Amino acid sequence: MENNTELDTLIHEFVENVSEAIKPILEAIKKLADSLSTTFLEAWKEVKFDMNYFDKNISRKRFIKLLISIGYQRNTANKIAWKYHKEKGEYTLLNFLIENRKKEDLKNG
């Protein structure tokens, strides 16, 4: 019976020691999470502001010239432009950036 009491005491002390050792780690993780969330929110505000710039309409001619500038042939650029016109009825810099990303992915992948 006495061994059980000693064992319980040792286990209790062990748990207390581990709990005390983990507290600084948990506090550091909390500070890191707070810092990351603050940084993310600040970055999102910047990106959100910039997205409004990229969502402005551009002319069909400019859209096609931008596509040609990244390596699309004129016929392919026209097909892409007609696709966007059919889907959205407009051309934006964001649409161009999407196509540029697709082109890069095809080139790299």
PDB file of N, CA and C in Angstrom:
ATOM      1  N   MET A   1       0.807  -1.177   0.000  1.00  0.00           N
ATOM      2  CA  MET A   1       0.000   0.000   0.000  1.00  0.00           C
ATOM      3  C   MET A   1       0.858   1.250   0.000  1.00  0.00           C
ATOM      4  N   GLU A   2       1.961   1.182   0.766  1.00  0.00           N
ATOM      5  CA  GLU A   2       2.859   2.325   0.854  1.00  0.00           C
ATOM      6  C   GLU A   2       3.516   2.601  -0.491  1.00  0.00           C
ATOM      7  N   ASN A   3       3.818   1.556  -1.260  1.00  0.00           N
ATOM      8  CA  ASN A   3       4.419   1.722  -2.582  1.00  0.00           C
ATOM      9  C   ASN A   3       3.490   2.483  -3.524  1.00  0.00           C
ATOM     10  N   ASN A   4       2.199   2.203  -3.434  1.00  0.00           N
ATOM     11  CA  ASN A   4       1.231   2.903  -4.264  1.00  0.00           C
ATOM     12  C   ASN A   4       1.199   4.395  -3.948  1.00  0.00           C
ATOM     13  N   THR A   5       1.304   4.734  -2.683  1.00  0.00           N
ATOM     14  CA  THR A   5       1.299   6.137  -2.280  1.00  0.00           C
ATOM     15  C   THR A   5       2.551   6.830  -2.795  1.00  0.00           C
ATOM     16  N   GLU A   6       3.679   6.169  -2.671  1.00  0.00           N
ATOM     17  CA  GLU A   6       4.936   6.736  -3.176  1.00  0.00           C
ATOM     18  C   GLU A   6       4.882   6.879  -4.698  1.00  0.00           C
ATOM     19  N   LEU A   7       4.341   5.885  -5.363  1.00  0.00           N
ATOM     20  CA  LEU A   7       4.207   5.936  -6.820  1.00  0.00           C
ATOM     21  C   LEU A   7       3.281   7.074  -7.241  1.00  0.00           C
ATOM     22  N   ASP A   8       2.167   7.217  -6.530  1.00  0.00           N
ATOM     23  CA  ASP A   8       1.241   8.318  -6.823  1.00  0.00           C
ATOM     24  C   ASP A   8       1.925   9.666  -6.620  1.00  0.00           C
ATOM     25  N   THR A   9       2.692   9.780  -5.579  1.00  0.00           N
ATOM     26  CA  THR A   9       3.413  11.020  -5.293  1.00  0.00           C
ATOM     27  C   THR A   9       4.428  11.313  -6.394  1.00  0.00           C
ATOM     28  N   LEU A  10       5.182  10.307  -6.799  1.00  0.00           N
ATOM     29  CA  LEU A  10       6.178  10.480  -7.856  1.00  0.00           C
ATOM     30  C   LEU A  10       5.510  10.885  -9.181  1.00  0.00           C
ATOM     31  N   ILE A  11       4.399  10.223  -9.505  1.00  0.00           N
ATOM     32  CA  ILE A  11       3.684  10.549 -10.748  1.00  0.00           C
ATOM     33  C   ILE A  11       3.149  11.974 -10.682  1.00  0.00           C
ATOM     34  N   HIS A  12       2.612  12.358  -9.547  1.00  0.00           N
ATOM     35  CA  HIS A  12       2.083  13.712  -9.366  1.00  0.00           C
ATOM     36  C   HIS A  12       3.200  14.753  -9.531  1.00  0.00           C
ATOM     37  N   GLU A  13       4.335  14.514  -8.910  1.00  0.00           N
ATOM     38  CA  GLU A  13       5.486  15.418  -9.036  1.00  0.00           C
ATOM     39  C   GLU A  13       5.967  15.487 -10.481  1.00  0.00           C
ATOM     40  N   PHE A  14       6.011  14.339 -11.150  1.00  0.00           N
ATOM     41  CA  PHE A  14       6.432  14.299 -12.551  1.00  0.00           C
ATOM     42  C   PHE A  14       5.498  15.149 -13.425  1.00  0.00           C
ATOM     43  N   VAL A  15       4.192  14.976 -13.234  1.00  0.00           N
ATOM     44  CA  VAL A  15       3.215  15.732 -14.012  1.00  0.00           C
ATOM     45  C   VAL A  15       3.367  17.229 -13.744  1.00  0.00           C
ATOM     46  N   GLU A  16       3.561  17.608 -12.493  1.00  0.00           N
ATOM     47  CA  GLU A  16       3.754  19.024 -12.154  1.00  0.00           C
ATOM     48  C   GLU A  16       5.011  19.580 -12.816  1.00  0.00           C
ATOM     49  N   ASN A  17       6.098  18.816 -12.790  1.00  0.00           N
ATOM     50  CA  ASN A  17       7.352  19.262 -13.397  1.00  0.00           C
ATOM     51  C   ASN A  17       7.208  19.421 -14.919  1.00  0.00           C
ATOM     52  N   VAL A  18       6.541  18.476 -15.549  1.00  0.00           N
ATOM     53  CA  VAL A  18       6.330  18.560 -16.998  1.00  0.00           C
ATOM     54  C   VAL A  18       5.445  19.760 -17.322  1.00  0.00           C
ATOM     55  N   SER A  19       4.407  19.967 -16.527  1.00  0.00           N
ATOM     56  CA  SER A  19       3.506  21.110 -16.743  1.00  0.00           C
ATOM     57  C   SER A  19       4.269  22.429 -16.637  1.00  0.00           C
ATOM     58  N   GLU A  20       5.116  22.533 -15.644  1.00  0.00           N
ATOM     59  CA  GLU A  20       5.913  23.756 -15.476  1.00  0.00           C
ATOM     60  C   GLU A  20       6.894  23.942 -16.638  1.00  0.00           C
ATOM     61  N   ALA A  21       7.454  22.841 -17.112  1.00  0.00           N
ATOM     62  CA  ALA A  21       8.408  22.925 -18.226  1.00  0.00           C
ATOM     63  C   ALA A  21       7.723  23.327 -19.524  1.00  0.00           C
ATOM     64  N   ILE A  22       6.475  22.936 -19.709  1.00  0.00           N
ATOM     65  CA  ILE A  22       5.764  23.204 -20.957  1.00  0.00           C
ATOM     66  C   ILE A  22       5.196  24.624 -21.013  1.00  0.00           C
ATOM     67  N   LYS A  23       4.947  25.238 -19.867  1.00  0.00           N
ATOM     68  CA  LYS A  23       4.338  26.576 -19.842  1.00  0.00           C
ATOM     69  C   LYS A  23       5.082  27.601 -20.706  1.00  0.00           C
ATOM     70  N   PRO A  24       6.415  27.707 -20.623  1.00  0.00           N
ATOM     71  CA  PRO A  24       7.101  28.687 -21.484  1.00  0.00           C
ATOM     72  C   PRO A  24       6.957  28.371 -22.976  1.00  0.00           C
ATOM     73  N   ILE A  25       6.925  27.092 -23.304  1.00  0.00           N
ATOM     74  CA  ILE A  25       6.762  26.695 -24.704  1.00  0.00           C
ATOM     75  C   ILE A  25       5.386  27.107 -25.206  1.00  0.00           C
ATOM     76  N   LEU A  26       4.363  26.854 -24.404  1.00  0.00           N
ATOM     77  CA  LEU A  26       3.008  27.242 -24.784  1.00  0.00           C
ATOM     78  C   LEU A  26       2.874  28.755 -24.922  1.00  0.00           C
ATOM     79  N   GLU A  27       3.513  29.479 -24.037  1.00  0.00           N
ATOM     80  CA  GLU A  27       3.485  30.948 -24.105  1.00  0.00           C
ATOM     81  C   GLU A  27       4.178  31.438 -25.380  1.00  0.00           C
ATOM     82  N   ALA A  28       5.293  30.818 -25.724  1.00  0.00           N
ATOM     83  CA  ALA A  28       6.001  31.190 -26.956  1.00  0.00           C
ATOM     84  C   ALA A  28       5.150  30.890 -28.189  1.00  0.00           C
ATOM     85  N   ILE A  29       4.469  29.750 -28.193  1.00  0.00           N
ATOM     86  CA  ILE A  29       3.592  29.392 -29.319  1.00  0.00           C
ATOM     87  C   ILE A  29       2.454  30.400 -29.427  1.00  0.00           C
ATOM     88  N   LYS A  30       1.892  30.818 -28.304  1.00  0.00           N
ATOM     89  CA  LYS A  30       0.809  31.802 -28.310  1.00  0.00           C
ATOM     90  C   LYS A  30       1.298  33.132 -28.893  1.00  0.00           C
ATOM     91  N   LYS A  31       2.473  33.573 -28.468  1.00  0.00           N
ATOM     92  CA  LYS A  31       3.030  34.827 -29.001  1.00  0.00           C
ATOM     93  C   LYS A  31       3.292  34.714 -30.504  1.00  0.00           C
ATOM     94  N   LEU A  32       3.804  33.566 -30.932  1.00  0.00           N
ATOM     95  CA  LEU A  32       4.054  33.342 -32.357  1.00  0.00           C
ATOM     96  C   LEU A  32       2.750  33.380 -33.145  1.00  0.00           C
ATOM     97  N   ALA A  33       1.720  32.729 -32.633  1.00  0.00           N
ATOM     98  CA  ALA A  33       0.419  32.729 -33.313  1.00  0.00           C
ATOM     99  C   ALA A  33      -0.156  34.145 -33.399  1.00  0.00           C
ATOM    100  N   ASP A  34      -0.045  34.908 -32.328  1.00  0.00           N
ATOM    101  CA  ASP A  34      -0.525  36.298 -32.354  1.00  0.00           C
ATOM    102  C   ASP A  34       0.228  37.123 -33.382  1.00  0.00           C
ATOM    103  N   SER A  35       1.533  36.939 -33.414  1.00  0.00           N
ATOM    104  CA  SER A  35       2.361  37.674 -34.364  1.00  0.00           C
ATOM    105  C   SER A  35       2.016  37.308 -35.810  1.00  0.00           C
ATOM    106  N   LEU A  36       1.862  36.011 -36.075  1.00  0.00           N
ATOM    107  CA  LEU A  36       1.521  35.566 -37.430  1.00  0.00           C
ATOM    108  C   LEU A  36       0.153  36.074 -37.857  1.00  0.00           C
ATOM    109  N   SER A  37      -0.808  36.040 -36.963  1.00  0.00           N
ATOM    110  CA  SER A  37      -2.151  36.512 -37.335  1.00  0.00           C
ATOM    111  C   SER A  37      -2.142  38.009 -37.615  1.00  0.00           C
ATOM    112  N   THR A  38      -1.408  38.777 -36.829  1.00  0.00           N
ATOM    113  CA  THR A  38      -1.301  40.216 -37.070  1.00  0.00           C
ATOM    114  C   THR A  38      -0.628  40.489 -38.414  1.00  0.00           C
ATOM    115  N   THR A  39       0.440  39.779 -38.693  1.00  0.00           N
ATOM    116  CA  THR A  39       1.152  39.943 -39.962  1.00  0.00           C
ATOM    117  C   THR A  39       0.256  39.570 -41.134  1.00  0.00           C
ATOM    118  N   PHE A  40      -0.467  38.474 -41.011  1.00  0.00           N
ATOM    119  CA  PHE A  40      -1.359  38.048 -42.083  1.00  0.00           C
ATOM    120  C   PHE A  40      -2.433  39.098 -42.346  1.00  0.00           C
ATOM    121  N   LEU A  41      -3.035  39.634 -41.287  1.00  0.00           N
ATOM    122  CA  LEU A  41      -4.092  40.634 -41.463  1.00  0.00           C
ATOM    123  C   LEU A  41      -3.558  41.903 -42.125  1.00  0.00           C
ATOM    124  N   GLU A  42      -2.359  42.330 -41.746  1.00  0.00           N
ATOM    125  CA  GLU A  42      -1.760  43.509 -42.369  1.00  0.00           C
ATOM    126  C   GLU A  42      -1.455  43.249 -43.841  1.00  0.00           C
ATOM    127  N   ALA A  43      -0.932  42.066 -44.142  1.00  0.00           N
ATOM    128  CA  ALA A  43      -0.636  41.716 -45.535  1.00  0.00           C
ATOM    129  C   ALA A  43      -1.924  41.622 -46.347  1.00  0.00           C
ATOM    130  N   TRP A  44      -2.969  41.075 -45.756  1.00  0.00           N
ATOM    131  CA  TRP A  44      -4.246  40.954 -46.465  1.00  0.00           C
ATOM    132  C   TRP A  44      -4.810  42.327 -46.815  1.00  0.00           C
ATOM    133  N   LYS A  45      -4.677  43.298 -45.909  1.00  0.00           N
ATOM    134  CA  LYS A  45      -5.155  44.657 -46.196  1.00  0.00           C
ATOM    135  C   LYS A  45      -4.437  45.216 -47.419  1.00  0.00           C
ATOM    136  N   GLU A  46      -3.123  44.972 -47.516  1.00  0.00           N
ATOM    137  CA  GLU A  46      -2.350  45.447 -48.664  1.00  0.00           C
ATOM    138  C   GLU A  46      -2.787  44.746 -49.943  1.00  0.00           C
ATOM    139  N   VAL A  47      -2.935  43.439 -49.892  1.00  0.00           N
ATOM    140  CA  VAL A  47      -3.327  42.667 -51.074  1.00  0.00           C
ATOM    141  C   VAL A  47      -4.728  43.061 -51.512  1.00  0.00           C
ATOM    142  N   LYS A  48      -5.613  43.232 -50.556  1.00  0.00           N
ATOM    143  CA  LYS A  48      -6.989  43.613 -50.865  1.00  0.00           C
ATOM    144  C   LYS A  48      -7.012  44.959 -51.575  1.00  0.00           C
ATOM    145  N   PHE A  49      -6.193  45.900 -51.130  1.00  0.00           N
ATOM    146  CA  PHE A  49      -6.107  47.203 -51.776  1.00  0.00           C
ATOM    147  C   PHE A  49      -5.580  47.061 -53.202  1.00  0.00           C
ATOM    148  N   ASP A  50      -4.543  46.247 -53.387  1.00  0.00           N
ATOM    149  CA  ASP A  50      -3.957  46.053 -54.714  1.00  0.00           C
ATOM    150  C   ASP A  50      -4.891  45.309 -55.652  1.00  0.00           C
ATOM    151  N   MET A  51      -5.727  44.420 -55.114  1.00  0.00           N
ATOM    152  CA  MET A  51      -6.656  43.668 -55.955  1.00  0.00           C
ATOM    153  C   MET A  51      -7.616  44.608 -56.678  1.00  0.00           C
ATOM    154  N   ASN A  52      -7.996  45.709 -56.023  1.00  0.00           N
ATOM    155  CA  ASN A  52      -8.886  46.673 -56.674  1.00  0.00           C
ATOM    156  C   ASN A  52      -8.222  47.256 -57.916  1.00  0.00           C
ATOM    157  N   TYR A  53      -6.909  47.436 -57.872  1.00  0.00           N
ATOM    158  CA  TYR A  53      -6.184  47.946 -59.031  1.00  0.00           C
ATOM    159  C   TYR A  53      -6.231  46.937 -60.179  1.00  0.00           C
ATOM    160  N   PHE A  54      -6.053  45.681 -59.874  1.00  0.00           N
ATOM    161  CA  PHE A  54      -6.011  44.651 -60.912  1.00  0.00           C
ATOM    162  C   PHE A  54      -7.389  44.290 -61.455  1.00  0.00           C
ATOM    163  N   ASP A  55      -8.423  44.746 -60.786  1.00  0.00           N
ATOM    164  CA  ASP A  55      -9.771  44.413 -61.223  1.00  0.00           C
ATOM    165  C   ASP A  55     -10.346  45.460 -62.192  1.00  0.00           C
ATOM    166  N   LYS A  56      -9.536  46.439 -62.590  1.00  0.00           N
ATOM    167  CA  LYS A  56     -10.003  47.467 -63.521  1.00  0.00           C
ATOM    168  C   LYS A  56     -10.008  46.918 -64.940  1.00  0.00           C
ATOM    169  N   ASN A  57     -10.974  47.369 -65.703  1.00  0.00           N
ATOM    170  CA  ASN A  57     -11.100  46.918 -67.085  1.00  0.00           C
ATOM    171  C   ASN A  57      -9.990  47.481 -67.961  1.00  0.00           C
ATOM    172  N   ILE A  58      -9.565  46.678 -68.932  1.00  0.00           N
ATOM    173  CA  ILE A  58      -8.629  47.135 -69.958  1.00  0.00           C
ATOM    174  C   ILE A  58      -9.255  46.797 -71.306  1.00  0.00           C
ATOM    175  N   SER A  59      -8.712  47.396 -72.343  1.00  0.00           N
ATOM    176  CA  SER A  59      -9.277  47.157 -73.671  1.00  0.00           C
ATOM    177  C   SER A  59      -8.880  45.770 -74.179  1.00  0.00           C
ATOM    178  N   ARG A  60      -9.642  45.295 -75.125  1.00  0.00           N
ATOM    179  CA  ARG A  60      -9.356  43.998 -75.746  1.00  0.00           C
ATOM    180  C   ARG A  60      -7.977  44.024 -76.396  1.00  0.00           C
ATOM    181  N   LYS A  61      -7.681  45.139 -77.077  1.00  0.00           N
ATOM    182  CA  LYS A  61      -6.401  45.264 -77.767  1.00  0.00           C
ATOM    183  C   LYS A  61      -5.236  45.170 -76.768  1.00  0.00           C
ATOM    184  N   ARG A  62      -5.352  45.867 -75.641  1.00  0.00           N
ATOM    185  CA  ARG A  62      -4.291  45.830 -74.632  1.00  0.00           C
ATOM    186  C   ARG A  62      -4.172  44.420 -74.041  1.00  0.00           C
ATOM    187  N   PHE A  63      -5.303  43.779 -73.777  1.00  0.00           N
ATOM    188  CA  PHE A  63      -5.303  42.423 -73.228  1.00  0.00           C
ATOM    189  C   PHE A  63      -4.550  41.478 -74.166  1.00  0.00           C
ATOM    190  N   ILE A  64      -4.858  41.568 -75.457  1.00  0.00           N
ATOM    191  CA  ILE A  64      -4.193  40.694 -76.435  1.00  0.00           C
ATOM    192  C   ILE A  64      -2.704  41.007 -76.513  1.00  0.00           C
ATOM    193  N   LYS A  65      -2.353  42.287 -76.511  1.00  0.00           N
ATOM    194  CA  LYS A  65      -0.921  42.655 -76.583  1.00  0.00           C
ATOM    195  C   LYS A  65      -0.159  42.162 -75.354  1.00  0.00           C
ATOM    196  N   LEU A  66      -0.800  42.215 -74.194  1.00  0.00           N
ATOM    197  CA  LEU A  66      -0.147  41.691 -72.991  1.00  0.00           C
ATOM    198  C   LEU A  66       0.072  40.183 -73.099  1.00  0.00           C
ATOM    199  N   LEU A  67      -0.915  39.474 -73.631  1.00  0.00           N
ATOM    200  CA  LEU A  67      -0.763  38.027 -73.818  1.00  0.00           C
ATOM    201  C   LEU A  67       0.359  37.718 -74.802  1.00  0.00           C
ATOM    202  N   ILE A  68       0.437  38.485 -75.871  1.00  0.00           N
ATOM    203  CA  ILE A  68       1.505  38.287 -76.854  1.00  0.00           C
ATOM    204  C   ILE A  68       2.868  38.563 -76.216  1.00  0.00           C
ATOM    205  N   SER A  69       2.901  39.561 -75.316  1.00  0.00           N
ATOM    206  CA  SER A  69       4.182  39.924 -74.684  1.00  0.00           C
ATOM    207  C   SER A  69       4.751  38.809 -73.815  1.00  0.00           C
ATOM    208  N   ILE A  70       3.904  37.893 -73.355  1.00  0.00           N
ATOM    209  CA  ILE A  70       4.421  36.792 -72.526  1.00  0.00           C
ATOM    210  C   ILE A  70       4.610  35.513 -73.326  1.00  0.00           C
ATOM    211  N   GLY A  71       4.443  35.596 -74.652  1.00  0.00           N
ATOM    212  CA  GLY A  71       4.806  34.463 -75.485  1.00  0.00           C
ATOM    213  C   GLY A  71       3.680  33.753 -76.204  1.00  0.00           C
ATOM    214  N   TYR A  72       2.448  34.206 -76.037  1.00  0.00           N
ATOM    215  CA  TYR A  72       1.353  33.578 -76.777  1.00  0.00           C
ATOM    216  C   TYR A  72       1.382  34.064 -78.225  1.00  0.00           C
ATOM    217  N   GLN A  73       1.024  33.186 -79.150  1.00  0.00           N
ATOM    218  CA  GLN A  73       0.859  33.570 -80.544  1.00  0.00           C
ATOM    219  C   GLN A  73      -0.425  34.389 -80.665  1.00  0.00           C
ATOM    220  N   ARG A  74      -0.511  35.211 -81.716  1.00  0.00           N
ATOM    221  CA  ARG A  74      -1.657  36.098 -81.889  1.00  0.00           C
ATOM    222  C   ARG A  74      -2.983  35.328 -81.922  1.00  0.00           C
ATOM    223  N   ASN A  75      -3.037  34.221 -82.656  1.00  0.00           N
ATOM    224  CA  ASN A  75      -4.278  33.444 -82.738  1.00  0.00           C
ATOM    225  C   ASN A  75      -4.680  32.885 -81.374  1.00  0.00           C
ATOM    226  N   THR A  76      -3.711  32.393 -80.626  1.00  0.00           N
ATOM    227  CA  THR A  76      -3.993  31.860 -79.292  1.00  0.00           C
ATOM    228  C   THR A  76      -4.457  32.977 -78.365  1.00  0.00           C
ATOM    229  N   ALA A  77      -3.804  34.120 -78.448  1.00  0.00           N
ATOM    230  CA  ALA A  77      -4.190  35.270 -77.625  1.00  0.00           C
ATOM    231  C   ALA A  77      -5.621  35.701 -77.941  1.00  0.00           C
ATOM    232  N   ASN A  78      -5.982  35.694 -79.226  1.00  0.00           N
ATOM    233  CA  ASN A  78      -7.353  36.043 -79.610  1.00  0.00           C
ATOM    234  C   ASN A  78      -8.353  35.029 -79.056  1.00  0.00           C
ATOM    235  N   LYS A  79      -8.017  33.744 -79.102  1.00  0.00           N
ATOM    236  CA  LYS A  79      -8.907  32.716 -78.559  1.00  0.00           C
ATOM    237  C   LYS A  79      -9.119  32.914 -77.060  1.00  0.00           C
ATOM    238  N   ILE A  80      -8.028  33.210 -76.358  1.00  0.00           N
ATOM    239  CA  ILE A  80      -8.126  33.449 -74.917  1.00  0.00           C
ATOM    240  C   ILE A  80      -8.995  34.676 -74.649  1.00  0.00           C
ATOM    241  N   ALA A  81      -8.785  35.727 -75.440  1.00  0.00           N
ATOM    242  CA  ALA A  81      -9.572  36.951 -75.265  1.00  0.00           C
ATOM    243  C   ALA A  81     -11.057  36.673 -75.493  1.00  0.00           C
ATOM    244  N   TRP A  82     -11.394  35.912 -76.538  1.00  0.00           N
ATOM    245  CA  TRP A  82     -12.795  35.585 -76.800  1.00  0.00           C
ATOM    246  C   TRP A  82     -13.381  34.752 -75.667  1.00  0.00           C
ATOM    247  N   LYS A  83     -12.554  33.875 -75.091  1.00  0.00           N
ATOM    248  CA  LYS A  83     -13.022  33.054 -73.966  1.00  0.00           C
ATOM    249  C   LYS A  83     -13.413  33.945 -72.784  1.00  0.00           C
ATOM    250  N   TYR A  84     -12.549  34.915 -72.456  1.00  0.00           N
ATOM    251  CA  TYR A  84     -12.856  35.819 -71.347  1.00  0.00           C
ATOM    252  C   TYR A  84     -14.070  36.690 -71.668  1.00  0.00           C
ATOM    253  N   HIS A  85     -14.174  37.134 -72.916  1.00  0.00           N
ATOM    254  CA  HIS A  85     -15.316  37.961 -73.287  1.00  0.00           C
ATOM    255  C   HIS A  85     -16.618  37.175 -73.155  1.00  0.00           C
ATOM    256  N   LYS A  86     -16.579  35.917 -73.554  1.00  0.00           N
ATOM    257  CA  LYS A  86     -17.769  35.065 -73.482  1.00  0.00           C
ATOM    258  C   LYS A  86     -18.148  34.795 -72.023  1.00  0.00           C
ATOM    259  N   GLU A  87     -17.142  34.543 -71.167  1.00  0.00           N
ATOM    260  CA  GLU A  87     -17.407  34.212 -69.770  1.00  0.00           C
ATOM    261  C   GLU A  87     -17.775  35.431 -68.937  1.00  0.00           C
ATOM    262  N   LYS A  88     -17.031  36.526 -69.114  1.00  0.00           N
ATOM    263  CA  LYS A  88     -17.182  37.666 -68.211  1.00  0.00           C
ATOM    264  C   LYS A  88     -17.631  38.952 -68.905  1.00  0.00           C
ATOM    265  N   GLY A  89     -17.435  39.026 -70.206  1.00  0.00           N
ATOM    266  CA  GLY A  89     -17.803  40.234 -70.925  1.00  0.00           C
ATOM    267  C   GLY A  89     -16.840  41.388 -70.748  1.00  0.00           C
ATOM    268  N   GLU A  90     -15.667  41.111 -70.169  1.00  0.00           N
ATOM    269  CA  GLU A  90     -14.686  42.173 -69.938  1.00  0.00           C
ATOM    270  C   GLU A  90     -13.280  41.573 -69.859  1.00  0.00           C
ATOM    271  N   TYR A  91     -12.302  42.464 -69.881  1.00  0.00           N
ATOM    272  CA  TYR A  91     -10.898  42.057 -69.748  1.00  0.00           C
ATOM    273  C   TYR A  91     -10.308  42.888 -68.616  1.00  0.00           C
ATOM    274  N   THR A  92      -9.574  42.235 -67.726  1.00  0.00           N
ATOM    275  CA  THR A  92      -8.932  42.948 -66.621  1.00  0.00           C
ATOM    276  C   THR A  92      -7.476  42.507 -66.509  1.00  0.00           C
ATOM    277  N   LEU A  93      -6.711  43.303 -65.755  1.00  0.00           N
ATOM    278  CA  LEU A  93      -5.323  42.917 -65.504  1.00  0.00           C
ATOM    279  C   LEU A  93      -5.258  41.619 -64.703  1.00  0.00           C
ATOM    280  N   LEU A  94      -6.245  41.391 -63.869  1.00  0.00           N
ATOM    281  CA  LEU A  94      -6.284  40.147 -63.108  1.00  0.00           C
ATOM    282  C   LEU A  94      -6.434  38.946 -64.040  1.00  0.00           C
ATOM    283  N   ASN A  95      -7.278  39.081 -65.074  1.00  0.00           N
ATOM    284  CA  ASN A  95      -7.400  38.007 -66.071  1.00  0.00           C
ATOM    285  C   ASN A  95      -6.054  37.747 -66.741  1.00  0.00           C
ATOM    286  N   PHE A  96      -5.338  38.823 -67.069  1.00  0.00           N
ATOM    287  CA  PHE A  96      -4.015  38.668 -67.673  1.00  0.00           C
ATOM    288  C   PHE A  96      -3.065  37.938 -66.725  1.00  0.00           C
ATOM    289  N   LEU A  97      -3.081  38.328 -65.437  1.00  0.00           N
ATOM    290  CA  LEU A  97      -2.198  37.678 -64.471  1.00  0.00           C
ATOM    291  C   LEU A  97      -2.528  36.189 -64.331  1.00  0.00           C
ATOM    292  N   ILE A  98      -3.800  35.854 -64.409  1.00  0.00           N
ATOM    293  CA  ILE A  98      -4.205  34.445 -64.344  1.00  0.00           C
ATOM    294  C   ILE A  98      -3.637  33.682 -65.541  1.00  0.00           C
ATOM    295  N   GLU A  99      -3.752  34.259 -66.729  1.00  0.00           N
ATOM    296  CA  GLU A  99      -3.226  33.602 -67.932  1.00  0.00           C
ATOM    297  C   GLU A  99      -1.705  33.516 -67.884  1.00  0.00           C
ATOM    298  N   ASN A 100      -1.073  34.547 -67.352  1.00  0.00           N
ATOM    299  CA  ASN A 100       0.390  34.528 -67.218  1.00  0.00           C
ATOM    300  C   ASN A 100       0.814  33.386 -66.304  1.00  0.00           C
ATOM    301  N   ARG A 101       0.085  33.197 -65.214  1.00  0.00           N
ATOM    302  CA  ARG A 101       0.394  32.107 -64.284  1.00  0.00           C
ATOM    303  C   ARG A 101       0.207  30.745 -64.962  1.00  0.00           C
ATOM    304  N   LYS A 102      -0.866  30.611 -65.735  1.00  0.00           N
ATOM    305  CA  LYS A 102      -1.092  29.356 -66.461  1.00  0.00           C
ATOM    306  C   LYS A 102       0.067  29.075 -67.415  1.00  0.00           C
ATOM    307  N   LYS A 103       0.526  30.124 -68.099  1.00  0.00           N
ATOM    308  CA  LYS A 103       1.646  29.977 -69.058  1.00  0.00           C
ATOM    309  C   LYS A 103       2.903  29.529 -68.311  1.00  0.00           C
ATOM    310  N   GLU A 104       3.180  30.133 -67.172  1.00  0.00           N
ATOM    311  CA  GLU A 104       4.365  29.761 -66.386  1.00  0.00           C
ATOM    312  C   GLU A 104       4.261  28.322 -65.890  1.00  0.00           C
ATOM    313  N   ASP A 105       3.060  27.936 -65.440  1.00  0.00           N
ATOM    314  CA  ASP A 105       2.868  26.567 -64.960  1.00  0.00           C
ATOM    315  C   ASP A 105       3.100  25.550 -66.077  1.00  0.00           C
ATOM    316  N   LEU A 106       2.628  25.883 -67.289  1.00  0.00           N
ATOM    317  CA  LEU A 106       2.854  24.979 -68.423  1.00  0.00           C
ATOM    318  C   LEU A 106       4.344  24.871 -68.762  1.00  0.00           C
ATOM    319  N   LYS A 107       5.033  26.009 -68.674  1.00  0.00           N
ATOM    320  CA  LYS A 107       6.449  26.048 -68.989  1.00  0.00           C
ATOM    321  C   LYS A 107       7.275  25.263 -67.950  1.00  0.00           C
ATOM    322  N   ASN A 108       6.897  25.404 -66.667  1.00  0.00           N
ATOM    323  CA  ASN A 108       7.654  24.756 -65.589  1.00  0.00           C
ATOM    324  C   ASN A 108       7.204  23.335 -65.296  1.00  0.00           C
ATOM    325  N   GLY A 109       5.978  23.019 -65.655  1.00  0.00           N
ATOM    326  CA  GLY A 109       5.467  21.718 -65.237  1.00  0.00           C
ATOM    327  C   GLY A 109       5.396  20.765 -66.348  1.00  0.00           C
TER     328      GLY A 109
END
